[in-house]
PDB file of N, CA and C in Angstrom:
ATOM      1  N   MET A   1     104.845 -30.599  49.191  1.00  0.00           N
ATOM      2  CA  MET A   1     105.471 -29.300  49.150  1.00  0.00           C
ATOM      3  C   MET A   1     106.536 -29.323  48.061  1.00  0.00           C
ATOM      4  N   SER A   2     106.092 -29.277  46.845  1.00  0.00           N
ATOM      5  CA  SER A   2     107.063 -29.346  45.770  1.00  0.00           C
ATOM      6  C   SER A   2     107.278 -27.969  45.175  1.00  0.00           C
ATOM      7  N   GLY A   3     108.283 -27.890  44.388  1.00  0.00           N
ATOM      8  CA  GLY A   3     108.626 -26.654  43.723  1.00  0.00           C
ATOM      9  C   GLY A   3     110.107 -26.646  43.468  1.00  0.00           C
ATOM     10  N   ARG A   4     110.449 -26.127  42.328  1.00  0.00           N
ATOM     11  CA  ARG A   4     111.854 -26.132  41.952  1.00  0.00           C
ATOM     12  C   ARG A   4     112.614 -25.073  42.722  1.00  0.00           C
ATOM     13  N   ILE A   5     113.778 -25.466  43.191  1.00  0.00           N
ATOM     14  CA  ILE A   5     114.680 -24.581  43.922  1.00  0.00           C
ATOM     15  C   ILE A   5     115.912 -24.372  43.068  1.00  0.00           C
ATOM     16  N   VAL A   6     116.348 -23.119  42.958  1.00  0.00           N
ATOM     17  CA  VAL A   6     117.580 -22.782  42.257  1.00  0.00           C
ATOM     18  C   VAL A   6     118.576 -22.292  43.303  1.00  0.00           C
ATOM     19  N   LEU A   7     119.771 -22.842  43.257  1.00  0.00           N
ATOM     20  CA  LEU A   7     120.855 -22.428  44.137  1.00  0.00           C
ATOM     21  C   LEU A   7     121.913 -21.740  43.291  1.00  0.00           C
ATOM     22  N   ILE A   8     122.216 -20.474  43.619  1.00  0.00           N
ATOM     23  CA  ILE A   8     123.280 -19.729  42.938  1.00  0.00           C
ATOM     24  C   ILE A   8     124.399 -19.552  43.946  1.00  0.00           C
ATOM     25  N   GLU A   9     125.479 -20.296  43.738  1.00  0.00           N
ATOM     26  CA  GLU A   9     126.603 -20.290  44.681  1.00  0.00           C
ATOM     27  C   GLU A   9     127.885 -20.516  43.900  1.00  0.00           C
ATOM     28  N   ASP A  10     128.843 -19.597  44.024  1.00  0.00           N
ATOM     29  CA  ASP A  10     130.077 -19.710  43.253  1.00  0.00           C
ATOM     30  C   ASP A  10     131.153 -20.555  43.931  1.00  0.00           C
ATOM     31  N   ASP A  11     130.959 -20.921  45.181  1.00  0.00           N
ATOM     32  CA  ASP A  11     131.909 -21.796  45.873  1.00  0.00           C
ATOM     33  C   ASP A  11     131.423 -23.237  45.705  1.00  0.00           C
ATOM     34  N   PRO A  12     132.158 -24.068  44.961  1.00  0.00           N
ATOM     35  CA  PRO A  12     131.678 -25.419  44.671  1.00  0.00           C
ATOM     36  C   PRO A  12     131.469 -26.280  45.918  1.00  0.00           C
ATOM     37  N   ASP A  13     132.280 -26.079  46.955  1.00  0.00           N
ATOM     38  CA  ASP A  13     132.118 -26.879  48.171  1.00  0.00           C
ATOM     39  C   ASP A  13     130.820 -26.515  48.896  1.00  0.00           C
ATOM     40  N   ILE A  14     130.545 -25.225  49.003  1.00  0.00           N
ATOM     41  CA  ILE A  14     129.301 -24.792  49.641  1.00  0.00           C
ATOM     42  C   ILE A  14     128.107 -25.210  48.797  1.00  0.00           C
ATOM     43  N   ALA A  15     128.228 -25.072  47.481  1.00  0.00           N
ATOM     44  CA  ALA A  15     127.140 -25.479  46.592  1.00  0.00           C
ATOM     45  C   ALA A  15     126.815 -26.963  46.781  1.00  0.00           C
ATOM     46  N   ALA A  16     127.846 -27.803  46.844  1.00  0.00           N
ATOM     47  CA  ALA A  16     127.623 -29.242  47.019  1.00  0.00           C
ATOM     48  C   ALA A  16     126.972 -29.539  48.366  1.00  0.00           C
ATOM     49  N   LEU A  17     127.399 -28.864  49.411  1.00  0.00           N
ATOM     50  CA  LEU A  17     126.836 -29.078  50.741  1.00  0.00           C
ATOM     51  C   LEU A  17     125.367 -28.661  50.797  1.00  0.00           C
ATOM     52  N   VAL A  18     125.053 -27.468  50.291  1.00  0.00           N
ATOM     53  CA  VAL A  18     123.670 -26.987  50.314  1.00  0.00           C
ATOM     54  C   VAL A  18     122.787 -27.874  49.431  1.00  0.00           C
ATOM     55  N   GLU A  19     123.298 -28.254  48.263  1.00  0.00           N
ATOM     56  CA  GLU A  19     122.541 -29.148  47.387  1.00  0.00           C
ATOM     57  C   GLU A  19     122.225 -30.462  48.099  1.00  0.00           C
ATOM     58  N   GLU A  20     123.201 -31.028  48.778  1.00  0.00           N
ATOM     59  CA  GLU A  20     122.993 -32.284  49.495  1.00  0.00           C
ATOM     60  C   GLU A  20     121.937 -32.115  50.594  1.00  0.00           C
ATOM     61  N   MET A  21     121.997 -31.015  51.343  1.00  0.00           N
ATOM     62  CA  MET A  21     121.011 -30.778  52.403  1.00  0.00           C
ATOM     63  C   MET A  21     119.600 -30.700  51.821  1.00  0.00           C
ATOM     64  N   LEU A  22     119.457 -29.992  50.706  1.00  0.00           N
ATOM     65  CA  LEU A  22     118.143 -29.844  50.087  1.00  0.00           C
ATOM     66  C   LEU A  22     117.635 -31.167  49.532  1.00  0.00           C
ATOM     67  N   ARG A  23     118.503 -31.908  48.867  1.00  0.00           N
ATOM     68  CA  ARG A  23     118.091 -33.208  48.312  1.00  0.00           C
ATOM     69  C   ARG A  23     117.743 -34.196  49.434  1.00  0.00           C
ATOM     70  N   ASP A  24     118.514 -34.184  50.515  1.00  0.00           N
ATOM     71  CA  ASP A  24     118.212 -35.052  51.657  1.00  0.00           C
ATOM     72  C   ASP A  24     116.853 -34.721  52.261  1.00  0.00           C
ATOM     73  N   ALA A  25     116.442 -33.463  52.151  1.00  0.00           N
ATOM     74  CA  ALA A  25     115.131 -33.041  52.653  1.00  0.00           C
ATOM     75  C   ALA A  25     114.030 -33.273  51.614  1.00  0.00           C
ATOM     76  N   GLY A  26     114.410 -33.837  50.452  1.00  0.00           N
ATOM     77  CA  GLY A  26     113.419 -34.195  49.445  1.00  0.00           C
ATOM     78  C   GLY A  26     113.089 -33.122  48.425  1.00  0.00           C
ATOM     79  N   HIS A  27     113.982 -32.158  48.264  1.00  0.00           N
ATOM     80  CA  HIS A  27     113.702 -31.045  47.353  1.00  0.00           C
ATOM     81  C   HIS A  27     114.583 -31.108  46.111  1.00  0.00           C
ATOM     82  N   PRO A  28     113.979 -30.974  44.926  1.00  0.00           N
ATOM     83  CA  PRO A  28     114.788 -30.876  43.706  1.00  0.00           C
ATOM     84  C   PRO A  28     115.507 -29.536  43.689  1.00  0.00           C
ATOM     85  N   VAL A  29     116.723 -29.531  43.194  1.00  0.00           N
ATOM     86  CA  VAL A  29     117.507 -28.290  43.180  1.00  0.00           C
ATOM     87  C   VAL A  29     118.334 -28.204  41.902  1.00  0.00           C
ATOM     88  N   ASP A  30     118.370 -27.015  41.341  1.00  0.00           N
ATOM     89  CA  ASP A  30     119.163 -26.692  40.159  1.00  0.00           C
ATOM     90  C   ASP A  30     120.304 -25.809  40.633  1.00  0.00           C
ATOM     91  N   VAL A  31     121.540 -26.292  40.534  1.00  0.00           N
ATOM     92  CA  VAL A  31     122.700 -25.564  41.043  1.00  0.00           C
ATOM     93  C   VAL A  31     123.360 -24.790  39.904  1.00  0.00           C
ATOM     94  N   ARG A  32     123.624 -23.515  40.171  1.00  0.00           N
ATOM     95  CA  ARG A  32     124.295 -22.642  39.198  1.00  0.00           C
ATOM     96  C   ARG A  32     125.426 -21.903  39.903  1.00  0.00           C
ATOM     97  N   ALA A  33     126.536 -21.724  39.197  1.00  0.00           N
ATOM     98  CA  ALA A  33     127.673 -20.990  39.765  1.00  0.00           C
ATOM     99  C   ALA A  33     127.504 -19.484  39.611  1.00  0.00           C
ATOM    100  N   SER A  34     126.609 -19.068  38.712  1.00  0.00           N
ATOM    101  CA  SER A  34     126.388 -17.639  38.485  1.00  0.00           C
ATOM    102  C   SER A  34     124.958 -17.423  38.036  1.00  0.00           C
ATOM    103  N   LEU A  35     124.571 -16.176  37.941  1.00  0.00           N
ATOM    104  CA  LEU A  35     123.231 -15.841  37.481  1.00  0.00           C
ATOM    105  C   LEU A  35     123.071 -16.179  36.010  1.00  0.00           C
ATOM    106  N   GLY A  36     124.142 -16.101  35.263  1.00  0.00           N
ATOM    107  CA  GLY A  36     124.114 -16.480  33.855  1.00  0.00           C
ATOM    108  C   GLY A  36     123.483 -15.420  32.974  1.00  0.00           C
ATOM    109  N   ASP A  37     123.407 -15.732  31.709  1.00  0.00           N
ATOM    110  CA  ASP A  37     122.883 -14.789  30.727  1.00  0.00           C
ATOM    111  C   ASP A  37     121.554 -15.224  30.137  1.00  0.00           C
ATOM    112  N   ASP A  38     120.929 -16.252  30.709  1.00  0.00           N
ATOM    113  CA  ASP A  38     119.653 -16.684  30.145  1.00  0.00           C
ATOM    114  C   ASP A  38     118.580 -15.627  30.408  1.00  0.00           C
ATOM    115  N   THR A  39     117.446 -15.784  29.786  1.00  0.00           N
ATOM    116  CA  THR A  39     116.436 -14.728  29.795  1.00  0.00           C
ATOM    117  C   THR A  39     115.528 -14.732  31.008  1.00  0.00           C
ATOM    118  N   GLY A  40     115.529 -15.758  31.788  1.00  0.00           N
ATOM    119  CA  GLY A  40     114.674 -15.761  32.966  1.00  0.00           C
ATOM    120  C   GLY A  40     114.118 -17.134  33.253  1.00  0.00           C
ATOM    121  N   ASP A  41     113.397 -17.236  34.342  1.00  0.00           N
ATOM    122  CA  ASP A  41     112.899 -18.526  34.781  1.00  0.00           C
ATOM    123  C   ASP A  41     111.652 -18.294  35.631  1.00  0.00           C
ATOM    124  N   ASP A  42     110.495 -18.599  35.063  1.00  0.00           N
ATOM    125  CA  ASP A  42     109.240 -18.424  35.782  1.00  0.00           C
ATOM    126  C   ASP A  42     108.850 -19.658  36.602  1.00  0.00           C
ATOM    127  N   GLU A  43     109.623 -20.735  36.501  1.00  0.00           N
ATOM    128  CA  GLU A  43     109.266 -21.981  37.167  1.00  0.00           C
ATOM    129  C   GLU A  43     109.855 -22.128  38.565  1.00  0.00           C
ATOM    130  N   ALA A  44     110.927 -21.427  38.847  1.00  0.00           N
ATOM    131  CA  ALA A  44     111.570 -21.555  40.158  1.00  0.00           C
ATOM    132  C   ALA A  44     110.652 -20.997  41.236  1.00  0.00           C
ATOM    133  N   ARG A  45     110.538 -21.711  42.347  1.00  0.00           N
ATOM    134  CA  ARG A  45     109.711 -21.261  43.473  1.00  0.00           C
ATOM    135  C   ARG A  45     110.547 -20.562  44.533  1.00  0.00           C
ATOM    136  N   VAL A  46     111.799 -21.041  44.715  1.00  0.00           N
ATOM    137  CA  VAL A  46     112.718 -20.449  45.680  1.00  0.00           C
ATOM    138  C   VAL A  46     114.098 -20.375  45.032  1.00  0.00           C
ATOM    139  N   VAL A  47     114.743 -19.227  45.200  1.00  0.00           N
ATOM    140  CA  VAL A  47     116.132 -19.065  44.768  1.00  0.00           C
ATOM    141  C   VAL A  47     116.958 -18.808  46.017  1.00  0.00           C
ATOM    142  N   ILE A  48     117.999 -19.603  46.175  1.00  0.00           N
ATOM    143  CA  ILE A  48     118.930 -19.450  47.292  1.00  0.00           C
ATOM    144  C   ILE A  48     120.225 -18.921  46.698  1.00  0.00           C
ATOM    145  N   THR A  49     120.697 -17.804  47.229  1.00  0.00           N
ATOM    146  CA  THR A  49     121.896 -17.199  46.666  1.00  0.00           C
ATOM    147  C   THR A  49     122.776 -16.607  47.754  1.00  0.00           C
ATOM    148  N   ASP A  50     124.048 -16.685  47.517  1.00  0.00           N
ATOM    149  CA  ASP A  50     125.009 -15.911  48.288  1.00  0.00           C
ATOM    150  C   ASP A  50     125.019 -14.531  47.635  1.00  0.00           C
ATOM    151  N   LEU A  51     125.686 -13.595  48.226  1.00  0.00           N
ATOM    152  CA  LEU A  51     125.883 -12.309  47.570  1.00  0.00           C
ATOM    153  C   LEU A  51     127.073 -12.487  46.637  1.00  0.00           C
ATOM    154  N   VAL A  52     126.871 -13.305  45.605  1.00  0.00           N
ATOM    155  CA  VAL A  52     127.917 -13.817  44.729  1.00  0.00           C
ATOM    156  C   VAL A  52     128.798 -12.719  44.157  1.00  0.00           C
ATOM    157  N   ALA A  53     128.210 -11.633  43.763  1.00  0.00           N
ATOM    158  CA  ALA A  53     128.981 -10.581  43.102  1.00  0.00           C
ATOM    159  C   ALA A  53     129.833  -9.757  44.067  1.00  0.00           C
ATOM    160  N   LEU A  54     129.667  -9.967  45.368  1.00  0.00           N
ATOM    161  CA  LEU A  54     130.347  -9.125  46.348  1.00  0.00           C
ATOM    162  C   LEU A  54     131.452  -9.876  47.074  1.00  0.00           C
ATOM    163  N   ARG A  55     132.626  -9.295  47.104  1.00  0.00           N
ATOM    164  CA  ARG A  55     133.710  -9.863  47.899  1.00  0.00           C
ATOM    165  C   ARG A  55     133.793  -9.137  49.240  1.00  0.00           C
ATOM    166  N   SER A  56     133.359  -7.887  49.264  1.00  0.00           N
ATOM    167  CA  SER A  56     133.218  -7.137  50.514  1.00  0.00           C
ATOM    168  C   SER A  56     131.823  -6.529  50.488  1.00  0.00           C
ATOM    169  N   TYR A  57     131.222  -6.385  51.647  1.00  0.00           N
ATOM    170  CA  TYR A  57     129.826  -5.981  51.710  1.00  0.00           C
ATOM    171  C   TYR A  57     129.634  -4.511  51.374  1.00  0.00           C
ATOM    172  N   ASP A  58     128.701  -4.258  50.484  1.00  0.00           N
ATOM    173  CA  ASP A  58     128.262  -2.915  50.125  1.00  0.00           C
ATOM    174  C   ASP A  58     126.744  -3.014  49.970  1.00  0.00           C
ATOM    175  N   ALA A  59     126.002  -2.275  50.796  1.00  0.00           N
ATOM    176  CA  ALA A  59     124.541  -2.398  50.835  1.00  0.00           C
ATOM    177  C   ALA A  59     123.899  -2.124  49.474  1.00  0.00           C
ATOM    178  N   ASP A  60     124.348  -1.097  48.788  1.00  0.00           N
ATOM    179  CA  ASP A  60     123.758  -0.772  47.487  1.00  0.00           C
ATOM    180  C   ASP A  60     124.012  -1.877  46.471  1.00  0.00           C
ATOM    181  N   ARG A  61     125.248  -2.388  46.433  1.00  0.00           N
ATOM    182  CA  ARG A  61     125.552  -3.482  45.491  1.00  0.00           C
ATOM    183  C   ARG A  61     124.821  -4.761  45.863  1.00  0.00           C
ATOM    184  N   ALA A  62     124.620  -4.993  47.151  1.00  0.00           N
ATOM    185  CA  ALA A  62     123.868  -6.173  47.585  1.00  0.00           C
ATOM    186  C   ALA A  62     122.425  -6.072  47.096  1.00  0.00           C
ATOM    187  N   ARG A  63     121.807  -4.898  47.270  1.00  0.00           N
ATOM    188  CA  ARG A  63     120.427  -4.705  46.790  1.00  0.00           C
ATOM    189  C   ARG A  63     120.352  -4.855  45.266  1.00  0.00           C
ATOM    190  N   GLU A  64     121.358  -4.351  44.556  1.00  0.00           N
ATOM    191  CA  GLU A  64     121.398  -4.503  43.098  1.00  0.00           C
ATOM    192  C   GLU A  64     121.470  -5.977  42.702  1.00  0.00           C
ATOM    193  N   TRP A  65     122.295  -6.747  43.429  1.00  0.00           N
ATOM    194  CA  TRP A  65     122.423  -8.177  43.141  1.00  0.00           C
ATOM    195  C   TRP A  65     121.078  -8.872  43.332  1.00  0.00           C
ATOM    196  N   ILE A  66     120.408  -8.608  44.461  1.00  0.00           N
ATOM    197  CA  ILE A  66     119.123  -9.256  44.727  1.00  0.00           C
ATOM    198  C   ILE A  66     118.084  -8.812  43.699  1.00  0.00           C
ATOM    199  N   ALA A  67     118.111  -7.540  43.296  1.00  0.00           N
ATOM    200  CA  ALA A  67     117.194  -7.058  42.256  1.00  0.00           C
ATOM    201  C   ALA A  67     117.442  -7.800  40.938  1.00  0.00           C
ATOM    202  N   SER A  68     118.701  -8.078  40.621  1.00  0.00           N
ATOM    203  CA  SER A  68     119.029  -8.839  39.410  1.00  0.00           C
ATOM    204  C   SER A  68     118.495 -10.260  39.489  1.00  0.00           C
ATOM    205  N   VAL A  69     118.661 -10.869  40.654  1.00  0.00           N
ATOM    206  CA  VAL A  69     118.145 -12.231  40.850  1.00  0.00           C
ATOM    207  C   VAL A  69     116.619 -12.226  40.732  1.00  0.00           C
ATOM    208  N   ARG A  70     115.980 -11.261  41.366  1.00  0.00           N
ATOM    209  CA  ARG A  70     114.514 -11.181  41.334  1.00  0.00           C
ATOM    210  C   ARG A  70     114.007 -10.943  39.914  1.00  0.00           C
ATOM    211  N   ALA A  71     114.727 -10.133  39.129  1.00  0.00           N
ATOM    212  CA  ALA A  71     114.328  -9.891  37.744  1.00  0.00           C
ATOM    213  C   ALA A  71     114.423 -11.172  36.913  1.00  0.00           C
ATOM    214  N   ARG A  72     115.427 -11.990  37.200  1.00  0.00           N
ATOM    215  CA  ARG A  72     115.615 -13.236  36.455  1.00  0.00           C
ATOM    216  C   ARG A  72     114.631 -14.319  36.890  1.00  0.00           C
ATOM    217  N   PHE A  73     114.217 -14.262  38.159  1.00  0.00           N
ATOM    218  CA  PHE A  73     113.301 -15.254  38.725  1.00  0.00           C
ATOM    219  C   PHE A  73     112.111 -14.522  39.361  1.00  0.00           C
ATOM    220  N   PRO A  74     111.223 -13.952  38.540  1.00  0.00           N
ATOM    221  CA  PRO A  74     110.197 -13.040  39.059  1.00  0.00           C
ATOM    222  C   PRO A  74     109.169 -13.663  39.998  1.00  0.00           C
ATOM    223  N   ARG A  75     108.947 -14.947  39.938  1.00  0.00           N
ATOM    224  CA  ARG A  75     107.940 -15.582  40.794  1.00  0.00           C
ATOM    225  C   ARG A  75     108.526 -16.256  42.022  1.00  0.00           C
ATOM    226  N   ALA A  76     109.835 -16.234  42.149  1.00  0.00           N
ATOM    227  CA  ALA A  76     110.514 -16.974  43.220  1.00  0.00           C
ATOM    228  C   ALA A  76     110.687 -16.127  44.473  1.00  0.00           C
ATOM    229  N   LYS A  77     110.674 -16.807  45.599  1.00  0.00           N
ATOM    230  CA  LYS A  77     111.089 -16.224  46.872  1.00  0.00           C
ATOM    231  C   LYS A  77     112.611 -16.320  46.907  1.00  0.00           C
ATOM    232  N   ILE A  78     113.264 -15.353  47.542  1.00  0.00           N
ATOM    233  CA  ILE A  78     114.727 -15.328  47.543  1.00  0.00           C
ATOM    234  C   ILE A  78     115.262 -15.450  48.960  1.00  0.00           C
ATOM    235  N   VAL A  79     116.164 -16.430  49.132  1.00  0.00           N
ATOM    236  CA  VAL A  79     116.869 -16.643  50.392  1.00  0.00           C
ATOM    237  C   VAL A  79     118.331 -16.276  50.166  1.00  0.00           C
ATOM    238  N   VAL A  80     118.857 -15.392  50.999  1.00  0.00           N
ATOM    239  CA  VAL A  80     120.267 -15.021  50.927  1.00  0.00           C
ATOM    240  C   VAL A  80     121.014 -15.768  52.019  1.00  0.00           C
ATOM    241  N   LEU A  81     122.046 -16.504  51.621  1.00  0.00           N
ATOM    242  CA  LEU A  81     122.984 -17.134  52.554  1.00  0.00           C
ATOM    243  C   LEU A  81     124.255 -16.301  52.464  1.00  0.00           C
ATOM    244  N   THR A  82     124.696 -15.727  53.572  1.00  0.00           N
ATOM    245  CA  THR A  82     125.840 -14.833  53.483  1.00  0.00           C
ATOM    246  C   THR A  82     126.763 -14.941  54.685  1.00  0.00           C
ATOM    247  N   ALA A  83     128.042 -14.754  54.412  1.00  0.00           N
ATOM    248  CA  ALA A  83     129.036 -14.664  55.475  1.00  0.00           C
ATOM    249  C   ALA A  83     129.265 -13.210  55.873  1.00  0.00           C
ATOM    250  N   HIS A  84     128.632 -12.283  55.161  1.00  0.00           N
ATOM    251  CA  HIS A  84     128.740 -10.863  55.483  1.00  0.00           C
ATOM    252  C   HIS A  84     127.822 -10.569  56.669  1.00  0.00           C
ATOM    253  N   ALA A  85     128.409 -10.372  57.849  1.00  0.00           N
ATOM    254  CA  ALA A  85     127.621 -10.163  59.067  1.00  0.00           C
ATOM    255  C   ALA A  85     126.710  -8.945  58.950  1.00  0.00           C
ATOM    256  N   ARG A  86     127.194  -7.881  58.323  1.00  0.00           N
ATOM    257  CA  ARG A  86     126.359  -6.685  58.177  1.00  0.00           C
ATOM    258  C   ARG A  86     125.155  -6.955  57.292  1.00  0.00           C
ATOM    259  N   ALA A  87     125.320  -7.756  56.268  1.00  0.00           N
ATOM    260  CA  ALA A  87     124.189  -8.094  55.391  1.00  0.00           C
ATOM    261  C   ALA A  87     123.158  -8.901  56.159  1.00  0.00           C
ATOM    262  N   ALA A  88     123.627  -9.880  56.924  1.00  0.00           N
ATOM    263  CA  ALA A  88     122.707 -10.713  57.697  1.00  0.00           C
ATOM    264  C   ALA A  88     121.983  -9.881  58.746  1.00  0.00           C
ATOM    265  N   ALA A  89     122.712  -8.977  59.400  1.00  0.00           N
ATOM    266  CA  ALA A  89     122.117  -8.151  60.446  1.00  0.00           C
ATOM    267  C   ALA A  89     121.115  -7.152  59.893  1.00  0.00           C
ATOM    268  N   SER A  90     121.272  -6.756  58.640  1.00  0.00           N
ATOM    269  CA  SER A  90     120.367  -5.767  58.055  1.00  0.00           C
ATOM    270  C   SER A  90     118.976  -6.334  57.799  1.00  0.00           C
ATOM    271  N   GLY A  91     118.875  -7.657  57.664  1.00  0.00           N
ATOM    272  CA  GLY A  91     117.581  -8.292  57.461  1.00  0.00           C
ATOM    273  C   GLY A  91     117.182  -8.363  56.002  1.00  0.00           C
ATOM    274  N   PRO A  92     116.189  -9.194  55.704  1.00  0.00           N
ATOM    275  CA  PRO A  92     115.799  -9.416  54.315  1.00  0.00           C
ATOM    276  C   PRO A  92     115.219  -8.175  53.629  1.00  0.00           C
ATOM    277  N   GLU A  93     114.445  -7.385  54.347  1.00  0.00           N
ATOM    278  CA  GLU A  93     113.819  -6.220  53.720  1.00  0.00           C
ATOM    279  C   GLU A  93     114.864  -5.240  53.190  1.00  0.00           C
ATOM    280  N   ALA A  94     115.937  -5.055  53.939  1.00  0.00           N
ATOM    281  CA  ALA A  94     116.994  -4.118  53.535  1.00  0.00           C
ATOM    282  C   ALA A  94     117.683  -4.566  52.247  1.00  0.00           C
ATOM    283  N   LEU A  95     117.694  -5.874  52.004  1.00  0.00           N
ATOM    284  CA  LEU A  95     118.332  -6.405  50.799  1.00  0.00           C
ATOM    285  C   LEU A  95     117.350  -6.615  49.657  1.00  0.00           C
ATOM    286  N   GLY A  96     116.059  -6.610  49.957  1.00  0.00           N
ATOM    287  CA  GLY A  96     115.060  -6.926  48.942  1.00  0.00           C
ATOM    288  C   GLY A  96     114.832  -8.414  48.802  1.00  0.00           C
ATOM    289  N   ALA A  97     115.204  -9.173  49.828  1.00  0.00           N
ATOM    290  CA  ALA A  97     115.055 -10.632  49.821  1.00  0.00           C
ATOM    291  C   ALA A  97     113.866 -11.030  50.699  1.00  0.00           C
ATOM    292  N   ASP A  98     113.574 -12.324  50.701  1.00  0.00           N
ATOM    293  CA  ASP A  98     112.492 -12.845  51.537  1.00  0.00           C
ATOM    294  C   ASP A  98     113.012 -13.440  52.837  1.00  0.00           C
ATOM    295  N   ALA A  99     114.286 -13.826  52.851  1.00  0.00           N
ATOM    296  CA  ALA A  99     114.921 -14.361  54.059  1.00  0.00           C
ATOM    297  C   ALA A  99     116.428 -14.198  53.924  1.00  0.00           C
ATOM    298  N   VAL A 100     117.100 -14.045  55.060  1.00  0.00           N
ATOM    299  CA  VAL A 100     118.562 -13.966  55.094  1.00  0.00           C
ATOM    300  C   VAL A 100     119.048 -14.857  56.222  1.00  0.00           C
ATOM    301  N   LEU A 101     120.011 -15.710  55.916  1.00  0.00           N
ATOM    302  CA  LEU A 101     120.639 -16.557  56.931  1.00  0.00           C
ATOM    303  C   LEU A 101     122.143 -16.335  56.885  1.00  0.00           C
ATOM    304  N   ALA A 102     122.733 -16.169  58.070  1.00  0.00           N
ATOM    305  CA  ALA A 102     124.174 -15.971  58.161  1.00  0.00           C
ATOM    306  C   ALA A 102     124.887 -17.317  58.144  1.00  0.00           C
ATOM    307  N   LYS A 103     125.994 -17.385  57.404  1.00  0.00           N
ATOM    308  CA  LYS A 103     126.853 -18.566  57.417  1.00  0.00           C
ATOM    309  C   LYS A 103     127.765 -18.454  58.628  1.00  0.00           C
ATOM    310  N   PRO A 104     128.010 -19.520  59.339  1.00  0.00           N
ATOM    311  CA  PRO A 104     127.382 -20.830  59.193  1.00  0.00           C
ATOM    312  C   PRO A 104     125.956 -20.785  59.749  1.00  0.00           C
ATOM    313  N   PHE A 105     125.069 -21.521  59.121  1.00  0.00           N
ATOM    314  CA  PHE A 105     123.676 -21.507  59.528  1.00  0.00           C
ATOM    315  C   PHE A 105     123.277 -22.877  60.055  1.00  0.00           C
ATOM    316  N   ASP A 106     122.236 -22.879  60.855  1.00  0.00           N
ATOM    317  CA  ASP A 106     121.695 -24.108  61.424  1.00  0.00           C
ATOM    318  C   ASP A 106     120.907 -24.841  60.341  1.00  0.00           C
ATOM    319  N   LEU A 107     121.202 -26.109  60.132  1.00  0.00           N
ATOM    320  CA  LEU A 107     120.557 -26.911  59.093  1.00  0.00           C
ATOM    321  C   LEU A 107     119.044 -26.909  59.248  1.00  0.00           C
ATOM    322  N   GLN A 108     118.553 -27.105  60.460  1.00  0.00           N
ATOM    323  CA  GLN A 108     117.108 -27.166  60.677  1.00  0.00           C
ATOM    324  C   GLN A 108     116.444 -25.832  60.344  1.00  0.00           C
ATOM    325  N   VAL A 109     117.058 -24.744  60.756  1.00  0.00           N
ATOM    326  CA  VAL A 109     116.513 -23.411  60.457  1.00  0.00           C
ATOM    327  C   VAL A 109     116.509 -23.180  58.944  1.00  0.00           C
ATOM    328  N   PHE A 110     117.567 -23.604  58.280  1.00  0.00           N
ATOM    329  CA  PHE A 110     117.658 -23.458  56.826  1.00  0.00           C
ATOM    330  C   PHE A 110     116.515 -24.196  56.134  1.00  0.00           C
ATOM    331  N   ILE A 111     116.343 -25.467  56.460  1.00  0.00           N
ATOM    332  CA  ILE A 111     115.297 -26.276  55.832  1.00  0.00           C
ATOM    333  C   ILE A 111     113.919 -25.709  56.155  1.00  0.00           C
ATOM    334  N   GLU A 112     113.695 -25.311  57.397  1.00  0.00           N
ATOM    335  CA  GLU A 112     112.409 -24.723  57.771  1.00  0.00           C
ATOM    336  C   GLU A 112     112.137 -23.423  56.998  1.00  0.00           C
ATOM    337  N   THR A 113     113.162 -22.626  56.792  1.00  0.00           N
ATOM    338  CA  THR A 113     113.009 -21.382  56.044  1.00  0.00           C
ATOM    339  C   THR A 113     112.618 -21.675  54.606  1.00  0.00           C
ATOM    340  N   VAL A 114     113.328 -22.586  53.968  1.00  0.00           N
ATOM    341  CA  VAL A 114     113.038 -22.938  52.573  1.00  0.00           C
ATOM    342  C   VAL A 114     111.634 -23.508  52.459  1.00  0.00           C
ATOM    343  N   GLU A 115     111.273 -24.432  53.346  1.00  0.00           N
ATOM    344  CA  GLU A 115     109.951 -25.057  53.275  1.00  0.00           C
ATOM    345  C   GLU A 115     108.835 -24.051  53.536  1.00  0.00           C
ATOM    346  N   SER A 116     109.065 -23.110  54.423  1.00  0.00           N
ATOM    347  CA  SER A 116     108.075 -22.066  54.696  1.00  0.00           C
ATOM    348  C   SER A 116     107.846 -21.215  53.436  1.00  0.00           C
ATOM    349  N   LEU A 117     108.922 -20.880  52.748  1.00  0.00           N
ATOM    350  CA  LEU A 117     108.784 -20.088  51.519  1.00  0.00           C
ATOM    351  C   LEU A 117     108.129 -20.887  50.401  1.00  0.00           C
ATOM    352  N   LEU A 118     108.388 -22.177  50.341  1.00  0.00           N
ATOM    353  CA  LEU A 118     107.726 -23.023  49.345  1.00  0.00           C
ATOM    354  C   LEU A 118     106.214 -23.086  49.595  1.00  0.00           C
ATOM    355  N   ARG A 119     105.818 -23.091  50.848  1.00  0.00           N
ATOM    356  CA  ARG A 119     104.386 -23.121  51.199  1.00  0.00           C
ATOM    357  C   ARG A 119     103.709 -21.796  50.898  1.00  0.00           C
ATOM    358  N   GLY A 120     104.475 -20.701  51.060  1.00  0.00           N
ATOM    359  CA  GLY A 120     103.898 -19.361  50.921  1.00  0.00           C
ATOM    360  C   GLY A 120     103.852 -18.938  49.538  1.00  0.00           C
TER     361      GLY A 120
END
């Protein structure tokens, strides 16, 4: 079950923790603090992102953020990790993502979610 995973997380402590969990589960991961200005990436299979651009939850801005991520990574499945309870409660379809997990999240559920998306 291979495939490149991209993690977009602006909090270095959370980024290090999530990266460690993924590597311990045997998955290569490319960690980025922002979406960046590059032109795109067709190789990523899963992108894990916080709602990086949002400090307070706004549904329209959240959907815009996920649309930006999807445009940059057109072939990837998108997992949103968020501390915004309303975003998590709205579900992945409302955000345009493939999965949403609320922080703090269960490690086993997180790994199972990522692996399921890698298989799909």
